[in-house]
C-alpha atoms as a PDB file:
ATOM      1  CA  MET A   1       5.557  12.886   5.695  1.00  0.00           C
ATOM      2  CA  ARG A   2       6.161  10.671   2.527  1.00  0.00           C
ATOM      3  CA  VAL A   3       4.788   7.062   2.745  1.00  0.00           C
ATOM      4  CA  LEU A   4       5.061   4.084   0.434  1.00  0.00           C
ATOM      5  CA  CYS A   5       2.303   1.382   0.423  1.00  0.00           C
ATOM      6  CA  VAL A   6       3.554  -1.830  -1.049  1.00  0.00           C
ATOM      7  CA  CYS A   7       2.009  -5.053  -1.670  1.00  0.00           C
ATOM      8  CA  LEU A   8       2.803  -7.576  -4.563  1.00  0.00           C
ATOM      9  CA  GLY A   9       1.264  -6.455  -7.384  1.00  0.00           C
ATOM     10  CA  ASN A  10      -0.051  -3.014  -6.839  1.00  0.00           C
ATOM     11  CA  ILE A  11      -3.362  -3.587  -8.235  1.00  0.00           C
ATOM     12  CA  CYS A  12      -5.491  -4.081  -4.819  1.00  0.00           C
ATOM     13  CA  ARG A  13      -4.104  -3.512  -1.449  1.00  0.00           C
ATOM     14  CA  SER A  14      -1.153  -0.814  -1.629  1.00  0.00           C
ATOM     15  CA  PRO A  15      -3.760   1.572  -3.808  1.00  0.00           C
ATOM     16  CA  ALA A  16      -6.449   0.814  -1.298  1.00  0.00           C
ATOM     17  CA  ALA A  17      -3.909   1.777   1.244  1.00  0.00           C
ATOM     18  CA  GLN A  18      -2.572   4.485  -0.404  1.00  0.00           C
ATOM     19  CA  ALA A  19      -5.923   6.303  -0.986  1.00  0.00           C
ATOM     20  CA  VAL A  20      -6.961   5.706   2.652  1.00  0.00           C
ATOM     21  CA  ILE A  21      -4.258   7.278   3.958  1.00  0.00           C
ATOM     22  CA  ALA A  22      -4.122  10.226   1.587  1.00  0.00           C
ATOM     23  CA  ALA A  23      -7.977  11.029   2.360  1.00  0.00           C
ATOM     24  CA  ARG A  24      -7.027  10.995   6.221  1.00  0.00           C
ATOM     25  CA  ARG A  25      -3.913  12.764   5.907  1.00  0.00           C
ATOM     26  CA  PRO A  26      -3.889  15.291   2.352  1.00  0.00           C
ATOM     27  CA  ASP A  27      -0.645  16.748   3.824  1.00  0.00           C
ATOM     28  CA  TRP A  28       1.137  13.668   3.309  1.00  0.00           C
ATOM     29  CA  SER A  29       2.715  12.517   0.118  1.00  0.00           C
ATOM     30  CA  VAL A  30       1.386   9.240  -0.397  1.00  0.00           C
ATOM     31  CA  ASP A  31       2.115   6.563  -3.174  1.00  0.00           C
ATOM     32  CA  SER A  32       2.167   3.123  -3.978  1.00  0.00           C
ATOM     33  CA  ALA A  33       4.156   0.323  -5.733  1.00  0.00           C
ATOM     34  CA  GLY A  34       4.233  -3.521  -5.799  1.00  0.00           C
ATOM     35  CA  THR A  35       7.544  -6.018  -5.197  1.00  0.00           C
ATOM     36  CA  SER A  36       6.963  -7.268  -8.497  1.00  0.00           C
ATOM     37  CA  GLY A  37       6.595  -6.030 -12.240  1.00  0.00           C
ATOM     38  CA  TRP A  38       3.604  -8.018 -12.948  1.00  0.00           C
ATOM     39  CA  HIS A  39       1.180  -5.164 -13.450  1.00  0.00           C
ATOM     40  CA  VAL A  40       3.291  -1.911 -14.226  1.00  0.00           C
ATOM     41  CA  GLY A  41       1.048   0.639 -15.754  1.00  0.00           C
ATOM     42  CA  GLU A  42      -2.049  -1.104 -15.089  1.00  0.00           C
ATOM     43  CA  PRO A  43      -5.076   0.434 -13.013  1.00  0.00           C
ATOM     44  CA  PRO A  44      -5.914  -1.074 -10.040  1.00  0.00           C
ATOM     45  CA  TYR A  45      -7.886  -4.023 -10.141  1.00  0.00           C
ATOM     46  CA  PRO A  46     -11.661  -3.188 -10.996  1.00  0.00           C
ATOM     47  CA  PRO A  47     -13.282  -4.999  -8.230  1.00  0.00           C
ATOM     48  CA  MET A  48     -10.843  -3.309  -5.821  1.00  0.00           C
ATOM     49  CA  GLN A  49     -12.020  -0.180  -7.378  1.00  0.00           C
ATOM     50  CA  ALA A  50     -15.343  -0.271  -7.109  1.00  0.00           C
ATOM     51  CA  ALA A  51     -15.216  -1.209  -3.252  1.00  0.00           C
ATOM     52  CA  ALA A  52     -13.010   1.799  -2.844  1.00  0.00           C
ATOM     53  CA  ARG A  53     -15.389   3.832  -4.752  1.00  0.00           C
ATOM     54  CA  ALA A  54     -18.358   2.374  -2.622  1.00  0.00           C
ATOM     55  CA  ARG A  55     -16.335   4.205   0.406  1.00  0.00           C
ATOM     56  CA  GLY A  56     -15.440   7.465  -1.348  1.00  0.00           C
ATOM     57  CA  TYR A  57     -11.961   6.574  -2.494  1.00  0.00           C
ATOM     58  CA  ASP A  58     -11.056   7.012  -6.050  1.00  0.00           C
ATOM     59  CA  LEU A  59      -8.299   4.906  -7.316  1.00  0.00           C
ATOM     60  CA  SER A  60      -8.751   5.265 -10.843  1.00  0.00           C
ATOM     61  CA  GLY A  61      -5.657   7.798 -11.584  1.00  0.00           C
ATOM     62  CA  GLN A  62      -3.335   5.063  -9.818  1.00  0.00           C
ATOM     63  CA  ARG A  63      -1.207   2.994 -12.220  1.00  0.00           C
ATOM     64  CA  GLY A  64       0.805  -0.046 -10.811  1.00  0.00           C
ATOM     65  CA  ARG A  65       4.560   0.411 -10.591  1.00  0.00           C
ATOM     66  CA  GLN A  66       7.411  -1.460  -9.080  1.00  0.00           C
ATOM     67  CA  VAL A  67       9.556  -0.464  -5.997  1.00  0.00           C
ATOM     68  CA  SER A  68      12.772   0.658  -6.955  1.00  0.00           C
ATOM     69  CA  ALA A  69      15.930   1.375  -5.129  1.00  0.00           C
ATOM     70  CA  ALA A  70      15.422   5.142  -5.380  1.00  0.00           C
ATOM     71  CA  ASP A  71      12.131   4.602  -3.210  1.00  0.00           C
ATOM     72  CA  PHE A  72      14.096   4.017   0.052  1.00  0.00           C
ATOM     73  CA  ALA A  73      15.747   7.407   0.023  1.00  0.00           C
ATOM     74  CA  ARG A  74      12.709   9.043  -1.523  1.00  0.00           C
ATOM     75  CA  PHE A  75      10.012   8.059   1.382  1.00  0.00           C
ATOM     76  CA  ASP A  76      10.292   8.403   5.045  1.00  0.00           C
ATOM     77  CA  LEU A  77       8.119   5.228   5.486  1.00  0.00           C
ATOM     78  CA  VAL A  78       7.748   2.457   3.375  1.00  0.00           C
ATOM     79  CA  LEU A  79       4.325  -0.013   4.501  1.00  0.00           C
ATOM     80  CA  ALA A  80       4.208  -3.549   3.580  1.00  0.00           C
ATOM     81  CA  MET A  81       0.802  -5.214   3.636  1.00  0.00           C
ATOM     82  CA  ASP A  82       2.138  -8.527   4.390  1.00  0.00           C
ATOM     83  CA  ASP A  83       5.376 -10.351   5.742  1.00  0.00           C
ATOM     84  CA  ARG A  84       6.429 -11.738   2.496  1.00  0.00           C
ATOM     85  CA  ASN A  85       6.692  -8.161   0.950  1.00  0.00           C
ATOM     86  CA  LEU A  86       8.259  -6.974   4.170  1.00  0.00           C
ATOM     87  CA  ALA A  87      10.925  -9.723   3.949  1.00  0.00           C
ATOM     88  CA  ASP A  88      11.134  -8.584   0.012  1.00  0.00           C
ATOM     89  CA  LEU A  89      11.477  -4.949   0.762  1.00  0.00           C
ATOM     90  CA  HIS A  90      14.312  -5.669   3.603  1.00  0.00           C
ATOM     91  CA  ALA A  91      15.978  -7.595   0.984  1.00  0.00           C
ATOM     92  CA  MET A  92      16.039  -4.828  -1.566  1.00  0.00           C
ATOM     93  CA  ASP A  93      16.559  -2.044   0.925  1.00  0.00           C
ATOM     94  CA  PRO A  94      19.970  -0.120   0.271  1.00  0.00           C
ATOM     95  CA  GLY A  95      20.004   1.244   3.721  1.00  0.00           C
ATOM     96  CA  THR A  96      19.217   5.058   2.272  1.00  0.00           C
ATOM     97  CA  GLY A  97      17.041   6.020   5.241  1.00  0.00           C
ATOM     98  CA  ALA A  98      13.350   4.838   4.951  1.00  0.00           C
ATOM     99  CA  ALA A  99      11.832   3.298   7.859  1.00  0.00           C
ATOM    100  CA  LEU A 100      10.413  -0.379   6.743  1.00  0.00           C
ATOM    101  CA  ARG A 101       7.493  -1.798   8.755  1.00  0.00           C
ATOM    102  CA  ALA A 102       4.092  -3.826   8.267  1.00  0.00           C
ATOM    103  CA  LEU A 103       0.930  -1.920   8.208  1.00  0.00           C
ATOM    104  CA  ILE A 104      -0.336  -4.433  10.579  1.00  0.00           C
ATOM    105  CA  PRO A 105       2.745  -4.994  12.622  1.00  0.00           C
ATOM    106  CA  GLY A 106       3.029  -8.900  13.296  1.00  0.00           C
ATOM    107  CA  GLY A 107       0.027  -9.212  10.685  1.00  0.00           C
ATOM    108  CA  SER A 108      -1.006  -9.179   7.324  1.00  0.00           C
ATOM    109  CA  VAL A 109      -3.594  -7.529   4.917  1.00  0.00           C
ATOM    110  CA  PRO A 110      -5.061 -10.566   3.423  1.00  0.00           C
ATOM    111  CA  ASP A 111      -5.026 -10.200  -0.358  1.00  0.00           C
ATOM    112  CA  PRO A 112      -8.529  -9.871  -2.247  1.00  0.00           C
ATOM    113  CA  TYR A 113      -7.348 -10.762  -5.561  1.00  0.00           C
ATOM    114  CA  TYR A 114      -7.155 -14.304  -4.110  1.00  0.00           C
ATOM    115  CA  THR A 115      -9.502 -13.836  -1.112  1.00  0.00           C
ATOM    116  CA  ARG A 116     -12.563 -12.103  -3.148  1.00  0.00           C
ATOM    117  CA  ASP A 117     -13.052  -9.913  -0.017  1.00  0.00           C
ATOM    118  CA  PHE A 118     -12.759  -6.434  -1.141  1.00  0.00           C
ATOM    119  CA  GLU A 119     -14.969  -5.125   1.674  1.00  0.00           C
ATOM    120  CA  GLY A 120     -12.975  -6.860   4.265  1.00  0.00           C
ATOM    121  CA  CYS A 121      -9.469  -5.900   2.644  1.00  0.00           C
ATOM    122  CA  LEU A 122     -10.922  -2.209   3.069  1.00  0.00           C
ATOM    123  CA  ASP A 123     -12.190  -2.681   6.421  1.00  0.00           C
ATOM    124  CA  ILE A 124      -8.497  -4.070   7.613  1.00  0.00           C
ATOM    125  CA  ILE A 125      -6.883  -1.101   5.821  1.00  0.00           C
ATOM    126  CA  GLU A 126      -8.957   1.535   7.362  1.00  0.00           C
ATOM    127  CA  ALA A 127      -8.705   0.073  10.821  1.00  0.00           C
ATOM    128  CA  ALA A 128      -4.658  -0.325  10.359  1.00  0.00           C
ATOM    129  CA  VAL A 129      -4.442   3.140   8.811  1.00  0.00           C
ATOM    130  CA  ASP A 130      -6.195   4.989  12.072  1.00  0.00           C
ATOM    131  CA  ARG A 131      -3.872   2.745  14.244  1.00  0.00           C
ATOM    132  CA  LEU A 132      -0.789   3.871  12.480  1.00  0.00           C
ATOM    133  CA  LEU A 133      -2.053   7.911  12.258  1.00  0.00           C
ATOM    134  CA  ALA A 134      -2.435   7.823  15.737  1.00  0.00           C
ATOM    135  CA  GLU A 135       1.122   6.166  16.327  1.00  0.00           C
ATOM    136  CA  VAL A 136       2.736   9.260  14.485  1.00  0.00           C
END
């Protein structure tokens, strides 16, 4: 399974989701990206890295990148962290086959860049990933 996790800037939620999925399913190919290009080439946000590291997830090797049209052919599943990003992904989707869905169907992962709740964000992501993996 090839999975792409997507949030707005690719420095908090999607890198964390990438790390959680990769830890739980090391046999899967997992990546992350942002719908915006604001943080291309940057590492994940330091407070997100610290919160993830405290739970055993290493985000230090990740770098921000923007979703591209090629991603929709390269990945089987594209997971949006919120409804806004899901709508943006639907607008960008060239129809090449990836399944698009929210990590939390009908819900959102609050952005800790704004809420400052990095631990709560990880709690939500871990629970959502566990539900996702139970479905597949």
